[in-house]
Amino acid sequence: MTCRTTVSEPCTDVFTPEKRSAVMARVKAGDTGPELKVRQLTHALGYRYRLHRKDLPGTPDLVFAGRRKVIFVHGCFWHGHDCKRGARPPRQNARYWQAKIARNAARDAATLHALSKLGWESLVIWECALKDRETLTDQIIAFLSPDSRREHHVDNPMARPQNPSIR
């Protein structure tokens, strides 16, 4: 079956447009596996947080209001990380997905900038960083410690810049 995209190239799809819409509607925006792992670890470390505050730019995954700090948990592929999974080019409808991932990365950058202007510190935890629990634990503790006053991504190997080849 052929589908129409916003780009003027046809793509093959095994689903009808109605079925594809239903499948895509079930894609979760919150409570993802990686997010749940970060929440569990953060809670086990003794930190308490709120989830998905819609009044903050980007609706952060974890919000530590008293500290004015937020954590985002990003999927490597969907947010254009430069790791093996994030740098993997899409096989189907490549131009559409490259543009989509570039828009996600631009939106992420704008969100971090807006939060910074409002006086919030941000930490981005990439899906691939969940493999090293010890480093992740150290990163979360360092970020949430009271004496930590830094910009997002500074000395944060888990928050490397997005893959420029996707932009």
N, C-alpha and C. Protein backbone atom coordinates (compact mmCIF):
# COMPACT_ATOMS: atom_id res chain seq x y z
N MET A 1 0.85 -1.18 0.00
CA MET A 1 0.00 0.00 0.00
C MET A 1 0.89 1.23 0.00
N THR A 2 0.50 2.26 -0.67
CA THR A 2 1.26 3.51 -0.70
C THR A 2 0.59 4.52 0.22
N CYS A 3 1.42 5.36 0.81
CA CYS A 3 0.87 6.40 1.67
C CYS A 3 1.40 7.74 1.20
N ARG A 4 0.73 8.78 1.57
CA ARG A 4 1.18 10.12 1.24
C ARG A 4 1.82 10.74 2.47
N THR A 5 2.89 11.46 2.25
CA THR A 5 3.59 12.12 3.35
C THR A 5 3.61 13.61 3.07
N THR A 6 4.13 14.36 4.04
CA THR A 6 4.26 15.80 3.83
C THR A 6 5.37 16.10 2.83
N VAL A 7 6.26 15.14 2.63
CA VAL A 7 7.31 15.27 1.64
C VAL A 7 6.76 14.65 0.36
N SER A 8 7.17 15.11 -0.77
CA SER A 8 6.58 14.64 -2.01
C SER A 8 7.18 13.33 -2.50
N GLU A 9 7.41 12.39 -1.59
CA GLU A 9 7.89 11.08 -2.01
C GLU A 9 6.97 10.02 -1.42
N PRO A 10 6.55 9.07 -2.22
CA PRO A 10 5.67 8.02 -1.68
C PRO A 10 6.44 7.08 -0.78
N CYS A 11 5.74 6.45 0.14
CA CYS A 11 6.36 5.46 0.99
C CYS A 11 5.48 4.23 1.01
N THR A 12 6.08 3.13 1.33
CA THR A 12 5.27 1.92 1.43
C THR A 12 4.86 1.74 2.87
N ASP A 13 3.67 1.25 3.07
CA ASP A 13 3.15 1.05 4.41
C ASP A 13 2.30 -0.21 4.39
N VAL A 14 2.40 -0.99 5.43
CA VAL A 14 1.63 -2.23 5.48
C VAL A 14 0.23 -1.98 6.01
N PHE A 15 -0.03 -0.77 6.52
CA PHE A 15 -1.33 -0.45 7.09
C PHE A 15 -2.07 0.55 6.21
N THR A 16 -3.39 0.55 6.34
CA THR A 16 -4.20 1.59 5.71
C THR A 16 -3.95 2.88 6.47
N PRO A 17 -4.26 4.03 5.88
CA PRO A 17 -4.08 5.29 6.62
C PRO A 17 -4.84 5.32 7.94
N GLU A 18 -6.03 4.72 7.98
CA GLU A 18 -6.81 4.70 9.22
C GLU A 18 -6.12 3.86 10.29
N LYS A 19 -5.63 2.69 9.88
CA LYS A 19 -4.93 1.81 10.82
C LYS A 19 -3.63 2.44 11.29
N ARG A 20 -2.88 3.09 10.38
CA ARG A 20 -1.64 3.77 10.76
C ARG A 20 -1.93 4.86 11.79
N SER A 21 -3.01 5.60 11.58
CA SER A 21 -3.40 6.64 12.53
C SER A 21 -3.68 6.05 13.90
N ALA A 22 -4.37 4.93 13.93
CA ALA A 22 -4.68 4.27 15.21
C ALA A 22 -3.40 3.78 15.89
N VAL A 23 -2.47 3.24 15.10
CA VAL A 23 -1.20 2.75 15.66
C VAL A 23 -0.41 3.92 16.25
N MET A 24 -0.30 5.00 15.51
CA MET A 24 0.46 6.16 15.96
C MET A 24 -0.18 6.82 17.18
N ALA A 25 -1.49 6.77 17.27
CA ALA A 25 -2.18 7.37 18.41
C ALA A 25 -1.85 6.64 19.71
N ARG A 26 -1.42 5.40 19.60
CA ARG A 26 -1.10 4.61 20.80
C ARG A 26 0.34 4.80 21.25
N VAL A 27 1.15 5.55 20.49
CA VAL A 27 2.53 5.81 20.88
C VAL A 27 2.50 6.69 22.12
N LYS A 28 3.20 6.24 23.16
CA LYS A 28 3.15 6.94 24.44
C LYS A 28 4.08 8.15 24.46
N ALA A 29 3.60 9.21 25.07
CA ALA A 29 4.43 10.40 25.26
C ALA A 29 5.05 10.40 26.65
N GLY A 30 4.39 9.78 27.59
CA GLY A 30 4.90 9.73 28.96
C GLY A 30 4.84 8.32 29.49
N ASP A 31 5.43 8.11 30.64
CA ASP A 31 5.47 6.80 31.29
C ASP A 31 6.12 5.75 30.39
N THR A 32 7.13 6.15 29.64
CA THR A 32 7.86 5.21 28.80
C THR A 32 8.78 4.36 29.68
N GLY A 33 9.27 3.27 29.14
CA GLY A 33 10.17 2.40 29.90
C GLY A 33 11.39 3.15 30.43
N PRO A 34 12.12 3.90 29.58
CA PRO A 34 13.28 4.65 30.08
C PRO A 34 12.90 5.66 31.15
N GLU A 35 11.77 6.34 30.96
CA GLU A 35 11.33 7.33 31.96
C GLU A 35 11.03 6.65 33.29
N LEU A 36 10.37 5.51 33.25
CA LEU A 36 10.04 4.79 34.48
C LEU A 36 11.31 4.34 35.21
N LYS A 37 12.34 3.94 34.46
CA LYS A 37 13.61 3.55 35.10
C LYS A 37 14.26 4.73 35.81
N VAL A 38 14.26 5.89 35.17
CA VAL A 38 14.85 7.08 35.79
C VAL A 38 14.03 7.48 37.02
N ARG A 39 12.72 7.42 36.91
CA ARG A 39 11.87 7.75 38.06
C ARG A 39 12.13 6.81 39.23
N GLN A 40 12.24 5.52 38.94
CA GLN A 40 12.48 4.53 40.00
C GLN A 40 13.84 4.79 40.67
N LEU A 41 14.87 5.03 39.88
CA LEU A 41 16.19 5.30 40.43
C LEU A 41 16.19 6.58 41.26
N THR A 42 15.59 7.63 40.74
CA THR A 42 15.55 8.91 41.44
C THR A 42 14.80 8.79 42.77
N HIS A 43 13.71 8.08 42.76
CA HIS A 43 12.93 7.86 43.98
C HIS A 43 13.74 7.03 44.98
N ALA A 44 14.44 6.00 44.50
CA ALA A 44 15.26 5.16 45.38
C ALA A 44 16.40 5.96 46.01
N LEU A 45 16.85 7.01 45.33
CA LEU A 45 17.90 7.88 45.87
C LEU A 45 17.34 8.84 46.92
N GLY A 46 16.03 8.86 47.10
CA GLY A 46 15.42 9.69 48.13
C GLY A 46 14.87 11.01 47.63
N TYR A 47 14.91 11.25 46.33
CA TYR A 47 14.40 12.49 45.78
C TYR A 47 12.92 12.35 45.46
N ARG A 48 12.18 13.41 45.69
CA ARG A 48 10.75 13.44 45.36
C ARG A 48 10.52 14.49 44.30
N TYR A 49 9.57 14.24 43.45
CA TYR A 49 9.38 15.07 42.27
C TYR A 49 7.93 15.06 41.84
N ARG A 50 7.61 15.94 40.93
CA ARG A 50 6.31 15.97 40.26
C ARG A 50 6.54 15.54 38.82
N LEU A 51 5.48 15.08 38.20
CA LEU A 51 5.58 14.60 36.82
C LEU A 51 4.91 15.55 35.84
N HIS A 52 5.56 15.76 34.72
CA HIS A 52 4.95 16.40 33.54
C HIS A 52 4.19 17.69 33.84
N ARG A 53 4.84 18.66 34.47
CA ARG A 53 4.16 19.93 34.74
C ARG A 53 3.92 20.67 33.44
N LYS A 54 2.67 20.80 33.11
CA LYS A 54 2.28 21.41 31.84
C LYS A 54 2.50 22.93 31.82
N ASP A 55 2.69 23.54 33.00
CA ASP A 55 2.91 24.98 33.04
C ASP A 55 4.37 25.35 32.76
N LEU A 56 5.24 24.36 32.58
CA LEU A 56 6.64 24.62 32.25
C LEU A 56 6.89 24.29 30.78
N PRO A 57 7.79 25.02 30.14
CA PRO A 57 8.09 24.74 28.74
C PRO A 57 8.54 23.29 28.55
N GLY A 58 7.99 22.62 27.55
CA GLY A 58 8.40 21.27 27.22
C GLY A 58 7.81 20.18 28.09
N THR A 59 7.00 20.53 29.09
CA THR A 59 6.40 19.55 30.01
C THR A 59 7.46 18.54 30.47
N PRO A 60 8.39 18.96 31.33
CA PRO A 60 9.49 18.08 31.75
C PRO A 60 8.99 16.77 32.36
N ASP A 61 9.79 15.72 32.21
CA ASP A 61 9.41 14.41 32.72
C ASP A 61 9.41 14.38 34.25
N LEU A 62 10.44 14.93 34.87
CA LEU A 62 10.52 15.01 36.33
C LEU A 62 10.79 16.46 36.70
N VAL A 63 10.05 16.97 37.67
CA VAL A 63 10.18 18.36 38.09
C VAL A 63 10.47 18.40 39.59
N PHE A 64 11.56 19.08 39.95
CA PHE A 64 11.96 19.27 41.33
C PHE A 64 11.77 20.75 41.63
N ALA A 65 10.55 21.12 41.95
CA ALA A 65 10.18 22.55 42.03
C ALA A 65 10.99 23.30 43.08
N GLY A 66 11.21 22.69 44.23
CA GLY A 66 11.97 23.36 45.28
C GLY A 66 13.40 23.67 44.88
N ARG A 67 13.93 22.88 44.01
CA ARG A 67 15.30 23.07 43.52
C ARG A 67 15.33 23.86 42.21
N ARG A 68 14.17 24.06 41.60
CA ARG A 68 14.05 24.68 40.27
C ARG A 68 14.91 23.93 39.26
N LYS A 69 14.74 22.60 39.28
CA LYS A 69 15.47 21.73 38.36
C LYS A 69 14.49 20.76 37.72
N VAL A 70 14.81 20.38 36.48
CA VAL A 70 13.96 19.43 35.76
C VAL A 70 14.85 18.40 35.07
N ILE A 71 14.26 17.23 34.85
CA ILE A 71 14.94 16.18 34.10
C ILE A 71 14.04 15.77 32.93
N PHE A 72 14.68 15.68 31.76
CA PHE A 72 14.03 15.14 30.58
C PHE A 72 14.67 13.79 30.28
N VAL A 73 13.87 12.80 29.93
CA VAL A 73 14.38 11.50 29.51
C VAL A 73 14.06 11.39 28.02
N HIS A 74 15.10 11.39 27.21
CA HIS A 74 14.93 11.40 25.76
C HIS A 74 15.30 10.05 25.14
N GLY A 75 14.46 9.61 24.22
CA GLY A 75 14.79 8.45 23.41
C GLY A 75 15.83 8.86 22.37
N CYS A 76 16.87 8.07 22.23
CA CYS A 76 17.99 8.44 21.36
C CYS A 76 17.56 8.65 19.91
N PHE A 77 16.76 7.75 19.38
CA PHE A 77 16.35 7.87 17.98
C PHE A 77 15.46 9.08 17.78
N TRP A 78 14.44 9.24 18.60
CA TRP A 78 13.42 10.28 18.39
C TRP A 78 13.95 11.69 18.60
N HIS A 79 15.03 11.82 19.39
CA HIS A 79 15.54 13.16 19.68
C HIS A 79 16.91 13.41 19.03
N GLY A 80 17.36 12.49 18.17
CA GLY A 80 18.57 12.73 17.37
C GLY A 80 19.87 12.68 18.14
N HIS A 81 20.01 11.78 19.09
CA HIS A 81 21.26 11.65 19.84
C HIS A 81 22.35 11.10 18.91
N ASP A 82 23.61 11.33 19.27
CA ASP A 82 24.70 10.90 18.40
C ASP A 82 25.24 9.52 18.76
N CYS A 83 24.50 8.75 19.53
CA CYS A 83 24.92 7.39 19.85
C CYS A 83 24.56 6.46 18.68
N LYS A 84 24.89 5.19 18.81
CA LYS A 84 24.64 4.23 17.72
C LYS A 84 23.16 4.19 17.33
N ARG A 85 22.29 4.12 18.32
CA ARG A 85 20.86 4.03 18.02
C ARG A 85 20.31 5.34 17.45
N GLY A 86 20.76 6.45 18.02
CA GLY A 86 20.25 7.75 17.57
C GLY A 86 20.75 8.15 16.20
N ALA A 87 21.95 7.70 15.84
CA ALA A 87 22.53 8.07 14.55
C ALA A 87 22.08 7.14 13.43
N ARG A 88 21.35 6.10 13.77
CA ARG A 88 20.89 5.15 12.75
C ARG A 88 19.87 5.83 11.83
N PRO A 89 20.13 5.82 10.54
CA PRO A 89 19.18 6.48 9.63
C PRO A 89 17.92 5.63 9.46
N PRO A 90 16.77 6.26 9.37
CA PRO A 90 15.55 5.50 9.13
C PRO A 90 15.58 4.85 7.76
N ARG A 91 15.04 3.64 7.66
CA ARG A 91 15.05 2.93 6.39
C ARG A 91 13.86 3.32 5.52
N GLN A 92 12.74 3.54 6.11
CA GLN A 92 11.52 3.87 5.37
C GLN A 92 11.25 5.37 5.49
N ASN A 93 10.89 5.99 4.40
CA ASN A 93 10.47 7.39 4.42
C ASN A 93 11.52 8.28 5.09
N ALA A 94 12.77 8.09 4.71
CA ALA A 94 13.91 8.72 5.39
C ALA A 94 13.82 10.24 5.45
N ARG A 95 13.44 10.88 4.36
CA ARG A 95 13.40 12.36 4.39
C ARG A 95 12.40 12.87 5.40
N TYR A 96 11.24 12.24 5.48
CA TYR A 96 10.24 12.66 6.45
C TYR A 96 10.78 12.52 7.86
N TRP A 97 11.36 11.35 8.19
CA TRP A 97 11.82 11.12 9.56
C TRP A 97 13.03 11.97 9.92
N GLN A 98 13.91 12.22 8.97
CA GLN A 98 15.04 13.11 9.25
C GLN A 98 14.55 14.52 9.58
N ALA A 99 13.56 14.99 8.83
CA ALA A 99 12.99 16.31 9.11
C ALA A 99 12.28 16.31 10.46
N LYS A 100 11.56 15.24 10.76
CA LYS A 100 10.83 15.13 12.03
C LYS A 100 11.81 15.14 13.20
N ILE A 101 12.88 14.38 13.11
CA ILE A 101 13.87 14.32 14.18
C ILE A 101 14.57 15.66 14.33
N ALA A 102 14.85 16.33 13.23
CA ALA A 102 15.45 17.67 13.29
C ALA A 102 14.51 18.65 13.99
N ARG A 103 13.20 18.56 13.70
CA ARG A 103 12.24 19.43 14.39
C ARG A 103 12.21 19.12 15.89
N ASN A 104 12.27 17.84 16.24
CA ASN A 104 12.31 17.46 17.66
C ASN A 104 13.53 18.06 18.34
N ALA A 105 14.70 17.96 17.70
CA ALA A 105 15.93 18.49 18.27
C ALA A 105 15.84 20.01 18.44
N ALA A 106 15.30 20.68 17.45
CA ALA A 106 15.15 22.14 17.53
C ALA A 106 14.19 22.52 18.66
N ARG A 107 13.09 21.78 18.78
CA ARG A 107 12.13 22.03 19.85
C ARG A 107 12.78 21.79 21.22
N ASP A 108 13.59 20.73 21.33
CA ASP A 108 14.29 20.44 22.58
C ASP A 108 15.21 21.59 22.97
N ALA A 109 15.97 22.10 22.01
CA ALA A 109 16.88 23.21 22.28
C ALA A 109 16.11 24.45 22.72
N ALA A 110 15.00 24.74 22.06
CA ALA A 110 14.19 25.90 22.43
C ALA A 110 13.60 25.73 23.83
N THR A 111 13.21 24.51 24.16
CA THR A 111 12.65 24.23 25.49
C THR A 111 13.69 24.47 26.57
N LEU A 112 14.91 23.94 26.36
CA LEU A 112 15.97 24.12 27.35
C LEU A 112 16.32 25.60 27.53
N HIS A 113 16.32 26.33 26.42
CA HIS A 113 16.60 27.77 26.49
C HIS A 113 15.51 28.51 27.27
N ALA A 114 14.26 28.18 26.98
CA ALA A 114 13.14 28.83 27.68
C ALA A 114 13.17 28.52 29.17
N LEU A 115 13.46 27.30 29.53
CA LEU A 115 13.55 26.95 30.96
C LEU A 115 14.68 27.71 31.63
N SER A 116 15.81 27.80 30.95
CA SER A 116 16.96 28.53 31.49
C SER A 116 16.61 30.01 31.73
N LYS A 117 15.90 30.60 30.78
CA LYS A 117 15.50 32.01 30.93
C LYS A 117 14.55 32.20 32.12
N LEU A 118 13.80 31.15 32.46
CA LEU A 118 12.89 31.21 33.60
C LEU A 118 13.58 30.86 34.92
N GLY A 119 14.89 30.56 34.85
CA GLY A 119 15.64 30.26 36.06
C GLY A 119 15.65 28.79 36.46
N TRP A 120 15.32 27.91 35.54
CA TRP A 120 15.32 26.48 35.81
C TRP A 120 16.56 25.84 35.21
N GLU A 121 17.12 24.87 35.94
CA GLU A 121 18.23 24.07 35.41
C GLU A 121 17.65 22.78 34.85
N SER A 122 18.27 22.28 33.79
CA SER A 122 17.76 21.10 33.10
C SER A 122 18.86 20.05 32.96
N LEU A 123 18.45 18.80 33.05
CA LEU A 123 19.33 17.68 32.77
C LEU A 123 18.61 16.80 31.75
N VAL A 124 19.32 16.46 30.68
CA VAL A 124 18.78 15.55 29.68
C VAL A 124 19.45 14.20 29.89
N ILE A 125 18.64 13.18 30.11
CA ILE A 125 19.15 11.82 30.23
C ILE A 125 18.73 11.06 28.98
N TRP A 126 19.72 10.56 28.28
CA TRP A 126 19.47 9.83 27.04
C TRP A 126 19.19 8.37 27.35
N GLU A 127 18.36 7.77 26.54
CA GLU A 127 17.98 6.37 26.69
C GLU A 127 19.20 5.45 26.79
N CYS A 128 20.23 5.72 26.01
CA CYS A 128 21.43 4.87 26.01
C CYS A 128 22.19 4.96 27.33
N ALA A 129 22.01 6.05 28.07
CA ALA A 129 22.72 6.23 29.34
C ALA A 129 22.18 5.32 30.43
N LEU A 130 21.03 4.73 30.22
CA LEU A 130 20.43 3.87 31.23
C LEU A 130 21.20 2.56 31.39
N LYS A 131 22.06 2.25 30.44
CA LYS A 131 22.84 1.00 30.50
C LYS A 131 23.86 1.03 31.63
N ASP A 132 24.36 2.22 31.97
CA ASP A 132 25.38 2.36 33.01
C ASP A 132 24.74 2.98 34.24
N ARG A 133 24.16 2.14 35.09
CA ARG A 133 23.40 2.62 36.25
C ARG A 133 24.26 3.42 37.22
N GLU A 134 25.50 3.01 37.41
CA GLU A 134 26.38 3.70 38.36
C GLU A 134 26.66 5.14 37.91
N THR A 135 27.00 5.30 36.64
CA THR A 135 27.26 6.64 36.12
C THR A 135 25.98 7.48 36.15
N LEU A 136 24.86 6.86 35.79
CA LEU A 136 23.58 7.57 35.82
C LEU A 136 23.25 8.03 37.23
N THR A 137 23.47 7.17 38.20
CA THR A 137 23.22 7.53 39.61
C THR A 137 24.08 8.72 40.01
N ASP A 138 25.37 8.67 39.69
CA ASP A 138 26.27 9.78 40.01
C ASP A 138 25.81 11.08 39.33
N GLN A 139 25.36 10.97 38.09
CA GLN A 139 24.91 12.15 37.34
C GLN A 139 23.68 12.78 37.99
N ILE A 140 22.73 11.95 38.39
CA ILE A 140 21.51 12.47 39.02
C ILE A 140 21.84 13.12 40.36
N ILE A 141 22.67 12.46 41.16
CA ILE A 141 23.04 13.02 42.47
C ILE A 141 23.76 14.35 42.28
N ALA A 142 24.72 14.40 41.35
CA ALA A 142 25.46 15.65 41.10
C ALA A 142 24.52 16.76 40.64
N PHE A 143 23.58 16.43 39.77
CA PHE A 143 22.65 17.44 39.25
C PHE A 143 21.71 17.96 40.34
N LEU A 144 21.22 17.07 41.19
CA LEU A 144 20.22 17.46 42.19
C LEU A 144 20.82 17.96 43.49
N SER A 145 22.13 17.89 43.65
CA SER A 145 22.73 18.35 44.89
C SER A 145 22.50 19.86 45.02
N PRO A 146 22.32 20.33 46.26
CA PRO A 146 21.99 21.74 46.48
C PRO A 146 23.06 22.71 45.96
N ASP A 147 24.32 22.31 45.95
CA ASP A 147 25.38 23.22 45.51
C ASP A 147 25.62 23.19 44.01
N SER A 148 24.82 22.42 43.30
CA SER A 148 24.97 22.32 41.85
C SER A 148 24.26 23.49 41.17
N ARG A 149 25.02 24.40 40.61
CA ARG A 149 24.47 25.53 39.84
C ARG A 149 25.19 25.54 38.51
N ARG A 150 24.61 24.89 37.53
CA ARG A 150 25.26 24.82 36.23
C ARG A 150 24.22 24.77 35.13
N GLU A 151 24.65 25.07 33.96
CA GLU A 151 23.78 24.99 32.79
C GLU A 151 23.61 23.53 32.41
N HIS A 152 22.55 23.25 31.71
CA HIS A 152 22.34 21.89 31.23
C HIS A 152 23.47 21.48 30.29
N HIS A 153 23.75 20.21 30.25
CA HIS A 153 24.73 19.59 29.37
C HIS A 153 26.17 19.89 29.73
N VAL A 154 26.48 20.72 30.72
CA VAL A 154 27.86 21.00 31.05
C VAL A 154 28.42 19.79 31.80
N ASP A 155 29.56 19.29 31.34
CA ASP A 155 30.17 18.10 31.93
C ASP A 155 29.19 16.95 32.03
N ASN A 156 28.34 16.83 31.06
CA ASN A 156 27.33 15.78 31.08
C ASN A 156 27.53 14.91 29.85
N PRO A 157 28.27 13.80 29.98
CA PRO A 157 28.52 12.97 28.82
C PRO A 157 27.26 12.32 28.28
N MET A 158 26.20 12.24 29.09
CA MET A 158 24.96 11.63 28.63
C MET A 158 24.13 12.59 27.80
N ALA A 159 24.53 13.83 27.75
CA ALA A 159 23.75 14.83 27.02
C ALA A 159 24.60 15.43 25.91
N ARG A 160 25.18 14.57 25.11
CA ARG A 160 26.00 15.03 24.00
C ARG A 160 25.12 15.73 22.98
N PRO A 161 25.72 16.58 22.16
CA PRO A 161 24.91 17.30 21.16
C PRO A 161 24.25 16.33 20.19
N GLN A 162 23.17 16.79 19.60
CA GLN A 162 22.44 15.97 18.66
C GLN A 162 23.27 15.73 17.40
N ASN A 163 22.93 14.66 16.71
CA ASN A 163 23.63 14.26 15.50
C ASN A 163 23.42 15.31 14.41
N PRO A 164 24.50 15.97 13.97
CA PRO A 164 24.35 17.02 12.95
C PRO A 164 23.96 16.46 11.59
N SER A 165 24.20 15.19 11.34
CA SER A 165 23.87 14.64 10.02
C SER A 165 22.38 14.50 9.82
N ILE A 166 21.59 14.55 10.90
CA ILE A 166 20.15 14.41 10.81
C ILE A 166 19.49 15.76 10.54
N ARG A 167 20.14 16.81 10.92
CA ARG A 167 19.54 18.15 10.78
C ARG A 167 19.39 18.56 9.38
